[in-house]
Amino acid sequence: MEEAFELAGRRVSLLRPPSADELIDEAAFDEDEFLPYWAELWPSGVALAQAVAALDLRGRRVLELGCGLGLPSLAAALRGAEVLATDWAADAVRLLRRNAERNGVALRAERVRWDEPEPLLREAPWDLVLGADLLYERRNAEQLERLLPRLGPEALLADPGRPFAGGFLERIRCSFRVRSRRGAEQPAVTLHRLSAPGGDT
């Protein structure tokens, strides 16, 4: 399945699986409760990509967590950033590499788990951390709360009102200033700008 988007003044063509349900692996679910969320184009990913496409990221190092199809990473790269897109699903990483190549977009994509974050920490601090719809399970919120302050001074998160988002945002205020606004074209999605003391505002 192929979809086209306008990002940062460019037309981007995105290949994606026609059905995430067809990718469900019972063995992977039994081992790690893994479901192929990455294969869906979620409204939060679109909203975050639209917000990123409006930024000047020339010369900045950008990390996306849980990138899935990687639309925000593609937008960041088009806006001049040096991008590392990460997901724990190997299929997501492979497809993002393919989509980046076919669109002539330079970025890195790697498989990284949040409970094994050493590859991310070795390159920290990142100038900007991106994440779309990451707070759909308690364990995601808890892991992100511990990891995010170690990655860099600024983050941009998009969330559609997941149950664990409110508690996460309250707790993360110990490390970041949080400013929130609705997505311009995705009003069901809220964009949260996190800035550490002394970081970019």
N, C-alpha and C. Protein backbone atom coordinates (compact mmCIF):
# COMPACT_ATOMS: atom_id res chain seq x y z
N MET A 1 0.85 -1.19 0.00
CA MET A 1 0.00 0.00 0.00
C MET A 1 0.89 1.24 0.00
N GLU A 2 0.49 2.25 -0.76
CA GLU A 2 1.30 3.46 -0.89
C GLU A 2 0.45 4.69 -0.61
N GLU A 3 1.01 5.63 0.17
CA GLU A 3 0.34 6.90 0.44
C GLU A 3 1.31 8.04 0.18
N ALA A 4 0.78 9.18 -0.24
CA ALA A 4 1.62 10.34 -0.55
C ALA A 4 1.31 11.47 0.42
N PHE A 5 2.35 12.22 0.80
CA PHE A 5 2.22 13.33 1.73
C PHE A 5 3.04 14.51 1.21
N GLU A 6 2.60 15.71 1.58
CA GLU A 6 3.40 16.91 1.36
C GLU A 6 4.12 17.24 2.65
N LEU A 7 5.44 17.19 2.62
CA LEU A 7 6.24 17.47 3.81
C LEU A 7 7.36 18.43 3.45
N ALA A 8 7.43 19.53 4.16
CA ALA A 8 8.52 20.49 3.99
C ALA A 8 8.70 20.86 2.51
N GLY A 9 7.58 21.05 1.82
CA GLY A 9 7.64 21.44 0.43
C GLY A 9 7.98 20.33 -0.54
N ARG A 10 7.99 19.09 -0.04
CA ARG A 10 8.31 17.94 -0.88
C ARG A 10 7.15 16.94 -0.86
N ARG A 11 6.96 16.23 -1.96
CA ARG A 11 6.02 15.13 -1.99
C ARG A 11 6.75 13.86 -1.56
N VAL A 12 6.25 13.22 -0.52
CA VAL A 12 6.86 12.00 0.01
C VAL A 12 5.89 10.84 -0.20
N SER A 13 6.40 9.78 -0.78
CA SER A 13 5.61 8.59 -1.02
C SER A 13 5.98 7.52 0.00
N LEU A 14 4.99 7.02 0.73
CA LEU A 14 5.24 6.11 1.85
C LEU A 14 4.61 4.76 1.57
N LEU A 15 5.45 3.73 1.51
CA LEU A 15 4.95 2.36 1.44
C LEU A 15 4.63 1.88 2.85
N ARG A 16 3.53 1.15 3.00
CA ARG A 16 3.21 0.57 4.30
C ARG A 16 2.37 -0.69 4.11
N PRO A 17 2.37 -1.57 5.11
CA PRO A 17 1.57 -2.79 5.00
C PRO A 17 0.09 -2.46 4.87
N PRO A 18 -0.66 -3.20 4.05
CA PRO A 18 -2.08 -2.92 3.90
C PRO A 18 -2.90 -3.24 5.15
N SER A 19 -2.40 -4.18 5.98
CA SER A 19 -3.13 -4.57 7.18
C SER A 19 -2.16 -4.96 8.28
N ALA A 20 -2.21 -4.23 9.40
CA ALA A 20 -1.35 -4.57 10.53
C ALA A 20 -1.75 -5.91 11.13
N ASP A 21 -3.03 -6.24 11.08
CA ASP A 21 -3.49 -7.50 11.68
C ASP A 21 -2.81 -8.71 11.04
N GLU A 22 -2.51 -8.60 9.76
CA GLU A 22 -1.87 -9.72 9.08
C GLU A 22 -0.44 -9.95 9.53
N LEU A 23 0.13 -8.99 10.24
CA LEU A 23 1.52 -9.10 10.71
C LEU A 23 1.63 -9.65 12.12
N ILE A 24 0.52 -9.91 12.77
CA ILE A 24 0.56 -10.39 14.15
C ILE A 24 1.28 -11.74 14.22
N ASP A 25 2.26 -11.81 15.10
CA ASP A 25 3.06 -13.01 15.31
C ASP A 25 2.76 -13.51 16.72
N GLU A 26 2.09 -14.65 16.84
CA GLU A 26 1.67 -15.14 18.15
C GLU A 26 2.87 -15.46 19.04
N ALA A 27 3.94 -15.95 18.46
CA ALA A 27 5.13 -16.26 19.26
C ALA A 27 5.74 -14.99 19.83
N ALA A 28 5.81 -13.92 19.00
CA ALA A 28 6.36 -12.66 19.49
C ALA A 28 5.47 -12.05 20.56
N PHE A 29 4.14 -12.21 20.43
CA PHE A 29 3.24 -11.69 21.45
C PHE A 29 3.41 -12.45 22.76
N ASP A 30 3.53 -13.77 22.68
CA ASP A 30 3.70 -14.57 23.90
C ASP A 30 4.99 -14.21 24.63
N GLU A 31 6.03 -13.88 23.86
CA GLU A 31 7.33 -13.57 24.47
C GLU A 31 7.36 -12.18 25.07
N ASP A 32 6.82 -11.20 24.36
CA ASP A 32 7.00 -9.79 24.76
C ASP A 32 5.75 -8.96 24.60
N GLU A 33 4.58 -9.58 24.45
CA GLU A 33 3.33 -8.87 24.19
C GLU A 33 3.48 -7.92 23.01
N PHE A 34 4.24 -8.37 22.01
CA PHE A 34 4.52 -7.52 20.84
C PHE A 34 3.37 -7.55 19.86
N LEU A 35 2.87 -6.38 19.50
CA LEU A 35 1.87 -6.22 18.45
C LEU A 35 2.42 -5.24 17.41
N PRO A 36 2.06 -5.42 16.13
CA PRO A 36 2.65 -4.58 15.07
C PRO A 36 2.01 -3.20 14.96
N TYR A 37 2.05 -2.45 16.07
CA TYR A 37 1.51 -1.09 16.04
C TYR A 37 2.22 -0.23 14.99
N TRP A 38 3.47 -0.57 14.72
CA TRP A 38 4.29 0.23 13.81
C TRP A 38 3.70 0.33 12.41
N ALA A 39 2.90 -0.66 12.02
CA ALA A 39 2.43 -0.75 10.64
C ALA A 39 1.25 0.17 10.33
N GLU A 40 0.68 0.80 11.36
CA GLU A 40 -0.44 1.73 11.17
C GLU A 40 0.09 3.16 11.02
N LEU A 41 -0.58 3.95 10.19
CA LEU A 41 -0.25 5.37 10.10
C LEU A 41 -1.18 6.12 11.05
N TRP A 42 -0.73 6.32 12.28
CA TRP A 42 -1.55 6.90 13.33
C TRP A 42 -1.66 8.41 13.16
N PRO A 43 -2.79 9.01 13.57
CA PRO A 43 -2.94 10.47 13.49
C PRO A 43 -1.82 11.23 14.21
N SER A 44 -1.32 10.68 15.31
CA SER A 44 -0.24 11.37 16.04
C SER A 44 1.02 11.46 15.20
N GLY A 45 1.32 10.42 14.42
CA GLY A 45 2.49 10.47 13.55
C GLY A 45 2.36 11.52 12.48
N VAL A 46 1.16 11.65 11.93
CA VAL A 46 0.92 12.68 10.91
C VAL A 46 1.03 14.07 11.53
N ALA A 47 0.43 14.26 12.71
CA ALA A 47 0.48 15.57 13.37
C ALA A 47 1.91 15.96 13.73
N LEU A 48 2.67 15.00 14.23
CA LEU A 48 4.06 15.29 14.60
C LEU A 48 4.88 15.62 13.36
N ALA A 49 4.68 14.88 12.28
CA ALA A 49 5.41 15.16 11.04
C ALA A 49 5.09 16.57 10.53
N GLN A 50 3.81 16.97 10.61
CA GLN A 50 3.43 18.31 10.16
C GLN A 50 4.10 19.38 11.01
N ALA A 51 4.17 19.14 12.33
CA ALA A 51 4.82 20.11 13.21
C ALA A 51 6.32 20.18 12.93
N VAL A 52 6.95 19.05 12.74
CA VAL A 52 8.39 19.00 12.48
C VAL A 52 8.71 19.66 11.14
N ALA A 53 7.84 19.49 10.16
CA ALA A 53 8.07 20.07 8.84
C ALA A 53 8.09 21.59 8.86
N ALA A 54 7.57 22.19 9.93
CA ALA A 54 7.56 23.65 10.05
C ALA A 54 8.78 24.19 10.79
N LEU A 55 9.66 23.31 11.25
CA LEU A 55 10.84 23.73 12.02
C LEU A 55 12.07 23.86 11.13
N ASP A 56 12.97 24.74 11.54
CA ASP A 56 14.28 24.82 10.90
C ASP A 56 15.23 23.94 11.71
N LEU A 57 15.62 22.81 11.16
CA LEU A 57 16.45 21.85 11.89
C LEU A 57 17.84 21.70 11.29
N ARG A 58 18.24 22.64 10.50
CA ARG A 58 19.57 22.56 9.88
C ARG A 58 20.66 22.44 10.95
N GLY A 59 21.48 21.41 10.80
CA GLY A 59 22.60 21.22 11.71
C GLY A 59 22.24 20.60 13.05
N ARG A 60 20.99 20.23 13.25
CA ARG A 60 20.58 19.66 14.53
C ARG A 60 20.52 18.14 14.46
N ARG A 61 20.81 17.51 15.58
CA ARG A 61 20.79 16.04 15.69
C ARG A 61 19.46 15.64 16.30
N VAL A 62 18.69 14.84 15.58
CA VAL A 62 17.32 14.50 15.98
C VAL A 62 17.19 12.99 16.13
N LEU A 63 16.54 12.59 17.20
CA LEU A 63 16.27 11.19 17.49
C LEU A 63 14.77 10.98 17.54
N GLU A 64 14.26 9.97 16.82
CA GLU A 64 12.86 9.59 16.99
C GLU A 64 12.78 8.24 17.69
N LEU A 65 11.95 8.19 18.73
CA LEU A 65 11.70 6.96 19.48
C LEU A 65 10.40 6.33 18.98
N GLY A 66 10.39 5.00 18.88
CA GLY A 66 9.17 4.32 18.45
C GLY A 66 8.69 4.83 17.12
N CYS A 67 9.58 4.88 16.14
CA CYS A 67 9.29 5.63 14.91
C CYS A 67 8.21 4.98 14.04
N GLY A 68 8.02 3.67 14.14
CA GLY A 68 7.04 3.03 13.27
C GLY A 68 7.35 3.30 11.80
N LEU A 69 6.40 3.88 11.09
CA LEU A 69 6.60 4.19 9.67
C LEU A 69 7.52 5.39 9.45
N GLY A 70 7.79 6.16 10.51
CA GLY A 70 8.86 7.16 10.45
C GLY A 70 8.55 8.46 9.74
N LEU A 71 7.29 8.83 9.62
CA LEU A 71 6.96 10.08 8.92
C LEU A 71 7.62 11.30 9.59
N PRO A 72 7.61 11.42 10.94
CA PRO A 72 8.30 12.56 11.56
C PRO A 72 9.80 12.57 11.28
N SER A 73 10.43 11.40 11.23
CA SER A 73 11.86 11.34 10.92
C SER A 73 12.14 11.80 9.51
N LEU A 74 11.30 11.40 8.57
CA LEU A 74 11.45 11.86 7.20
C LEU A 74 11.31 13.38 7.12
N ALA A 75 10.34 13.92 7.86
CA ALA A 75 10.15 15.37 7.88
C ALA A 75 11.37 16.08 8.45
N ALA A 76 11.92 15.55 9.55
CA ALA A 76 13.10 16.17 10.17
C ALA A 76 14.29 16.15 9.22
N ALA A 77 14.49 15.04 8.53
CA ALA A 77 15.60 14.96 7.59
C ALA A 77 15.43 15.95 6.44
N LEU A 78 14.20 16.09 5.98
CA LEU A 78 13.93 17.06 4.91
C LEU A 78 14.16 18.49 5.36
N ARG A 79 14.05 18.73 6.66
CA ARG A 79 14.27 20.08 7.20
C ARG A 79 15.73 20.29 7.62
N GLY A 80 16.61 19.35 7.24
CA GLY A 80 18.03 19.58 7.42
C GLY A 80 18.67 18.91 8.61
N ALA A 81 17.92 18.10 9.35
CA ALA A 81 18.48 17.46 10.54
C ALA A 81 19.27 16.21 10.19
N GLU A 82 20.19 15.87 11.07
CA GLU A 82 20.86 14.57 11.06
C GLU A 82 20.00 13.65 11.94
N VAL A 83 19.36 12.65 11.37
CA VAL A 83 18.29 11.92 12.04
C VAL A 83 18.68 10.47 12.31
N LEU A 84 18.36 10.02 13.53
CA LEU A 84 18.36 8.60 13.85
C LEU A 84 16.94 8.22 14.25
N ALA A 85 16.32 7.36 13.46
CA ALA A 85 14.97 6.86 13.75
C ALA A 85 15.10 5.47 14.35
N THR A 86 14.39 5.21 15.45
CA THR A 86 14.52 3.93 16.13
C THR A 86 13.16 3.31 16.42
N ASP A 87 13.13 1.99 16.40
CA ASP A 87 11.94 1.24 16.78
C ASP A 87 12.42 -0.12 17.25
N TRP A 88 11.58 -0.81 18.04
CA TRP A 88 11.99 -2.15 18.48
C TRP A 88 11.54 -3.22 17.51
N ALA A 89 10.79 -2.84 16.46
CA ALA A 89 10.34 -3.78 15.44
C ALA A 89 11.31 -3.73 14.26
N ALA A 90 11.96 -4.85 14.00
CA ALA A 90 12.93 -4.90 12.91
C ALA A 90 12.26 -4.61 11.56
N ASP A 91 11.03 -5.06 11.38
CA ASP A 91 10.32 -4.82 10.12
C ASP A 91 10.09 -3.33 9.89
N ALA A 92 9.80 -2.59 10.97
CA ALA A 92 9.61 -1.15 10.85
C ALA A 92 10.89 -0.47 10.39
N VAL A 93 12.00 -0.88 10.97
CA VAL A 93 13.29 -0.29 10.61
C VAL A 93 13.62 -0.57 9.15
N ARG A 94 13.42 -1.80 8.72
CA ARG A 94 13.71 -2.14 7.32
C ARG A 94 12.85 -1.34 6.35
N LEU A 95 11.56 -1.20 6.67
CA LEU A 95 10.67 -0.47 5.77
C LEU A 95 11.00 1.01 5.74
N LEU A 96 11.36 1.58 6.89
CA LEU A 96 11.72 3.01 6.90
C LEU A 96 12.98 3.25 6.07
N ARG A 97 13.95 2.36 6.18
CA ARG A 97 15.14 2.51 5.34
C ARG A 97 14.77 2.49 3.87
N ARG A 98 13.87 1.60 3.50
CA ARG A 98 13.44 1.51 2.11
C ARG A 98 12.70 2.77 1.67
N ASN A 99 11.80 3.28 2.53
CA ASN A 99 11.06 4.49 2.18
C ASN A 99 11.97 5.70 2.09
N ALA A 100 12.95 5.78 2.98
CA ALA A 100 13.89 6.90 2.92
C ALA A 100 14.68 6.86 1.62
N GLU A 101 15.15 5.68 1.26
CA GLU A 101 15.95 5.55 0.04
C GLU A 101 15.13 5.89 -1.21
N ARG A 102 13.92 5.39 -1.28
CA ARG A 102 13.12 5.62 -2.49
C ARG A 102 12.68 7.07 -2.62
N ASN A 103 12.70 7.82 -1.49
CA ASN A 103 12.36 9.25 -1.54
C ASN A 103 13.60 10.14 -1.57
N GLY A 104 14.79 9.53 -1.59
CA GLY A 104 16.01 10.32 -1.63
C GLY A 104 16.27 11.09 -0.35
N VAL A 105 15.86 10.52 0.80
CA VAL A 105 16.03 11.18 2.10
C VAL A 105 17.12 10.47 2.88
N ALA A 106 18.09 11.24 3.38
CA ALA A 106 19.20 10.66 4.14
C ALA A 106 18.87 10.63 5.62
N LEU A 107 18.80 9.43 6.19
CA LEU A 107 18.65 9.26 7.63
C LEU A 107 19.16 7.89 8.03
N ARG A 108 19.35 7.70 9.32
CA ARG A 108 19.69 6.38 9.86
C ARG A 108 18.46 5.79 10.53
N ALA A 109 18.30 4.49 10.45
CA ALA A 109 17.21 3.80 11.13
C ALA A 109 17.79 2.54 11.79
N GLU A 110 17.53 2.40 13.09
CA GLU A 110 18.12 1.29 13.84
C GLU A 110 17.10 0.68 14.79
N ARG A 111 17.25 -0.60 15.07
CA ARG A 111 16.40 -1.30 16.04
C ARG A 111 16.99 -1.09 17.43
N VAL A 112 16.21 -0.46 18.31
CA VAL A 112 16.65 -0.19 19.68
C VAL A 112 15.47 -0.39 20.62
N ARG A 113 15.71 -1.07 21.73
CA ARG A 113 14.70 -1.22 22.78
C ARG A 113 14.95 -0.18 23.87
N TRP A 114 13.88 0.31 24.48
CA TRP A 114 14.03 1.32 25.52
C TRP A 114 14.65 0.76 26.79
N ASP A 115 14.50 -0.54 27.02
CA ASP A 115 15.14 -1.13 28.20
C ASP A 115 16.58 -1.54 27.93
N GLU A 116 17.05 -1.28 26.71
CA GLU A 116 18.46 -1.48 26.35
C GLU A 116 18.91 -0.25 25.55
N PRO A 117 18.94 0.93 26.21
CA PRO A 117 19.09 2.18 25.46
C PRO A 117 20.53 2.63 25.20
N GLU A 118 21.50 1.76 25.47
CA GLU A 118 22.89 2.18 25.36
C GLU A 118 23.25 2.79 24.00
N PRO A 119 22.74 2.25 22.87
CA PRO A 119 23.07 2.88 21.59
C PRO A 119 22.60 4.34 21.49
N LEU A 120 21.50 4.66 22.17
CA LEU A 120 21.00 6.04 22.16
C LEU A 120 21.82 6.92 23.10
N LEU A 121 22.17 6.38 24.25
CA LEU A 121 22.88 7.16 25.25
C LEU A 121 24.32 7.47 24.81
N ARG A 122 24.90 6.58 24.02
CA ARG A 122 26.27 6.82 23.54
C ARG A 122 26.34 8.07 22.68
N GLU A 123 25.25 8.40 22.01
CA GLU A 123 25.24 9.57 21.13
C GLU A 123 24.56 10.79 21.76
N ALA A 124 24.11 10.64 22.98
CA ALA A 124 23.46 11.76 23.69
C ALA A 124 24.51 12.79 24.10
N PRO A 125 24.09 14.07 24.23
CA PRO A 125 22.72 14.55 24.13
C PRO A 125 22.29 14.83 22.70
N TRP A 126 21.03 14.51 22.41
CA TRP A 126 20.41 14.84 21.14
C TRP A 126 19.81 16.24 21.23
N ASP A 127 19.82 16.96 20.13
CA ASP A 127 19.25 18.31 20.14
C ASP A 127 17.72 18.27 20.29
N LEU A 128 17.09 17.26 19.69
CA LEU A 128 15.64 17.15 19.73
C LEU A 128 15.26 15.68 19.68
N VAL A 129 14.36 15.27 20.59
CA VAL A 129 13.83 13.91 20.60
C VAL A 129 12.36 13.97 20.18
N LEU A 130 11.98 13.10 19.26
CA LEU A 130 10.62 13.05 18.76
C LEU A 130 9.94 11.76 19.18
N GLY A 131 8.61 11.83 19.39
CA GLY A 131 7.86 10.62 19.68
C GLY A 131 6.37 10.84 19.41
N ALA A 132 5.75 9.88 18.70
CA ALA A 132 4.33 9.96 18.39
C ALA A 132 3.60 8.76 18.96
N ASP A 133 2.59 9.04 19.80
CA ASP A 133 1.72 7.99 20.35
C ASP A 133 2.52 6.90 21.05
N LEU A 134 3.34 7.31 22.00
CA LEU A 134 4.21 6.37 22.71
C LEU A 134 3.65 5.90 24.04
N LEU A 135 2.53 6.47 24.49
CA LEU A 135 2.10 6.28 25.88
C LEU A 135 0.85 5.43 25.99
N TYR A 136 0.73 4.43 25.12
CA TYR A 136 -0.50 3.63 25.09
C TYR A 136 -0.50 2.50 26.10
N GLU A 137 0.64 2.20 26.74
CA GLU A 137 0.71 1.19 27.78
C GLU A 137 1.49 1.75 28.97
N ARG A 138 1.17 1.25 30.16
CA ARG A 138 1.84 1.74 31.37
C ARG A 138 3.35 1.57 31.27
N ARG A 139 3.79 0.41 30.78
CA ARG A 139 5.23 0.17 30.74
C ARG A 139 5.92 1.15 29.79
N ASN A 140 5.24 1.55 28.70
CA ASN A 140 5.82 2.55 27.81
C ASN A 140 6.04 3.87 28.53
N ALA A 141 5.02 4.31 29.27
CA ALA A 141 5.11 5.58 29.99
C ALA A 141 6.22 5.54 31.04
N GLU A 142 6.33 4.43 31.75
CA GLU A 142 7.34 4.31 32.81
C GLU A 142 8.75 4.30 32.22
N GLN A 143 8.93 3.55 31.13
CA GLN A 143 10.26 3.50 30.51
C GLN A 143 10.64 4.86 29.92
N LEU A 144 9.69 5.52 29.27
CA LEU A 144 9.97 6.81 28.66
C LEU A 144 10.29 7.86 29.73
N GLU A 145 9.59 7.80 30.85
CA GLU A 145 9.84 8.74 31.94
C GLU A 145 11.28 8.64 32.44
N ARG A 146 11.80 7.43 32.50
CA ARG A 146 13.19 7.24 32.95
C ARG A 146 14.19 7.61 31.87
N LEU A 147 13.85 7.33 30.62
CA LEU A 147 14.82 7.48 29.53
C LEU A 147 14.93 8.90 29.01
N LEU A 148 13.83 9.59 28.87
CA LEU A 148 13.81 10.86 28.16
C LEU A 148 14.78 11.91 28.73
N PRO A 149 14.86 12.08 30.07
CA PRO A 149 15.79 13.09 30.59
C PRO A 149 17.25 12.78 30.29
N ARG A 150 17.56 11.54 29.96
CA ARG A 150 18.94 11.15 29.68
C ARG A 150 19.33 11.37 28.22
N LEU A 151 18.35 11.70 27.39
CA LEU A 151 18.60 11.77 25.95
C LEU A 151 18.91 13.16 25.44
N GLY A 152 18.36 14.19 26.08
CA GLY A 152 18.62 15.54 25.58
C GLY A 152 17.72 16.56 26.22
N PRO A 153 17.94 17.84 25.90
CA PRO A 153 17.25 18.93 26.58
C PRO A 153 15.88 19.29 26.01
N GLU A 154 15.49 18.68 24.88
CA GLU A 154 14.25 19.10 24.25
C GLU A 154 13.58 17.91 23.57
N ALA A 155 12.25 17.85 23.70
CA ALA A 155 11.50 16.77 23.06
C ALA A 155 10.18 17.33 22.54
N LEU A 156 9.68 16.70 21.51
CA LEU A 156 8.37 17.04 20.94
C LEU A 156 7.60 15.73 20.82
N LEU A 157 6.52 15.62 21.61
CA LEU A 157 5.72 14.40 21.66
C LEU A 157 4.31 14.69 21.17
N ALA A 158 3.75 13.77 20.43
CA ALA A 158 2.36 13.87 19.97
C ALA A 158 1.56 12.74 20.60
N ASP A 159 0.40 13.07 21.17
CA ASP A 159 -0.40 12.05 21.85
C ASP A 159 -1.89 12.33 21.64
N PRO A 160 -2.69 11.28 21.40
CA PRO A 160 -4.12 11.47 21.16
C PRO A 160 -4.97 11.33 22.41
N GLY A 161 -4.35 11.45 23.59
CA GLY A 161 -5.11 11.33 24.83
C GLY A 161 -5.12 9.92 25.39
N ARG A 162 -4.00 9.21 25.27
CA ARG A 162 -3.89 7.87 25.83
C ARG A 162 -4.03 7.92 27.36
N PRO A 163 -4.52 6.84 27.97
CA PRO A 163 -4.78 6.85 29.42
C PRO A 163 -3.57 7.18 30.29
N PHE A 164 -2.38 6.83 29.83
CA PHE A 164 -1.20 7.04 30.68
C PHE A 164 -0.47 8.34 30.38
N ALA A 165 -1.00 9.13 29.45
CA ALA A 165 -0.32 10.37 29.08
C ALA A 165 -0.37 11.41 30.20
N GLY A 166 -1.54 11.55 30.84
CA GLY A 166 -1.68 12.58 31.87
C GLY A 166 -0.71 12.40 33.02
N GLY A 167 -0.62 11.19 33.55
CA GLY A 167 0.30 10.92 34.64
C GLY A 167 1.74 11.10 34.22
N PHE A 168 2.07 10.67 33.02
CA PHE A 168 3.43 10.85 32.51
C PHE A 168 3.80 12.33 32.45
N LEU A 169 2.91 13.15 31.92
CA LEU A 169 3.21 14.57 31.79
C LEU A 169 3.38 15.25 33.13
N GLU A 170 2.59 14.84 34.12
CA GLU A 170 2.75 15.40 35.47
C GLU A 170 4.11 15.04 36.05
N ARG A 171 4.50 13.79 35.92
CA ARG A 171 5.77 13.34 36.50
C ARG A 171 6.97 13.91 35.76
N ILE A 172 6.86 14.05 34.44
CA ILE A 172 8.00 14.51 33.66
C ILE A 172 8.29 15.99 33.91
N ARG A 173 7.35 16.70 34.54
CA ARG A 173 7.58 18.11 34.87
C ARG A 173 8.72 18.28 35.88
N CYS A 174 9.12 17.21 36.52
CA CYS A 174 10.30 17.28 37.40
C CYS A 174 11.57 17.53 36.59
N SER A 175 11.55 17.15 35.31
CA SER A 175 12.73 17.28 34.46
C SER A 175 12.58 18.29 33.34
N PHE A 176 11.34 18.55 32.93
CA PHE A 176 11.10 19.41 31.76
C PHE A 176 9.98 20.40 32.03
N ARG A 177 10.09 21.54 31.37
CA ARG A 177 8.95 22.43 31.23
C ARG A 177 8.08 21.88 30.11
N VAL A 178 6.77 21.82 30.32
CA VAL A 178 5.86 21.23 29.33
C VAL A 178 4.91 22.29 28.81
N ARG A 179 4.86 22.44 27.49
CA ARG A 179 3.89 23.31 26.83
C ARG A 179 3.12 22.48 25.82
N SER A 180 1.82 22.60 25.83
CA SER A 180 0.97 21.74 25.00
C SER A 180 0.05 22.56 24.11
N ARG A 181 -0.23 22.03 22.93
CA ARG A 181 -1.18 22.65 22.01
C ARG A 181 -1.76 21.57 21.10
N ARG A 182 -2.92 21.85 20.56
CA ARG A 182 -3.57 20.92 19.64
C ARG A 182 -2.87 20.93 18.28
N GLY A 183 -2.90 19.78 17.60
CA GLY A 183 -2.34 19.71 16.26
C GLY A 183 -3.14 20.58 15.31
N ALA A 184 -2.46 21.26 14.40
CA ALA A 184 -3.12 22.20 13.50
C ALA A 184 -4.15 21.52 12.62
N GLU A 185 -3.80 20.38 12.04
CA GLU A 185 -4.71 19.68 11.15
C GLU A 185 -5.22 18.37 11.74
N GLN A 186 -4.78 18.06 12.95
CA GLN A 186 -5.20 16.84 13.65
C GLN A 186 -5.66 17.26 15.06
N PRO A 187 -6.83 17.88 15.19
CA PRO A 187 -7.24 18.44 16.49
C PRO A 187 -7.43 17.41 17.59
N ALA A 188 -7.55 16.14 17.25
CA ALA A 188 -7.66 15.10 18.28
C ALA A 188 -6.31 14.77 18.91
N VAL A 189 -5.25 15.32 18.35
CA VAL A 189 -3.89 15.05 18.82
C VAL A 189 -3.35 16.29 19.52
N THR A 190 -2.69 16.08 20.65
CA THR A 190 -2.03 17.18 21.36
C THR A 190 -0.52 17.05 21.20
N LEU A 191 0.12 18.16 20.89
CA LEU A 191 1.58 18.22 20.79
C LEU A 191 2.13 18.79 22.08
N HIS A 192 3.08 18.08 22.67
CA HIS A 192 3.69 18.49 23.93
C HIS A 192 5.16 18.83 23.67
N ARG A 193 5.53 20.07 23.93
CA ARG A 193 6.92 20.52 23.78
C ARG A 193 7.57 20.48 25.16
N LEU A 194 8.60 19.67 25.31
CA LEU A 194 9.31 19.50 26.58
C LEU A 194 10.66 20.17 26.47
N SER A 195 10.96 21.05 27.43
CA SER A 195 12.24 21.76 27.43
C SER A 195 12.86 21.66 28.81
N ALA A 196 14.10 21.18 28.87
CA ALA A 196 14.79 21.11 30.14
C ALA A 196 15.26 22.51 30.54
N PRO A 197 15.45 22.77 31.85
CA PRO A 197 15.99 24.06 32.27
C PRO A 197 17.30 24.36 31.55
N GLY A 198 17.35 25.52 30.92
CA GLY A 198 18.54 25.88 30.17
C GLY A 198 18.52 25.38 28.74
N GLY A 199 17.51 24.55 28.38
CA GLY A 199 17.41 24.06 27.00
C GLY A 199 16.71 25.06 26.12
N ASP A 200 16.57 24.72 24.82
CA ASP A 200 15.89 25.61 23.89
C ASP A 200 14.43 25.74 24.28
N THR A 201 13.88 26.94 24.12
CA THR A 201 12.47 27.16 24.39
C THR A 201 11.81 27.82 23.19
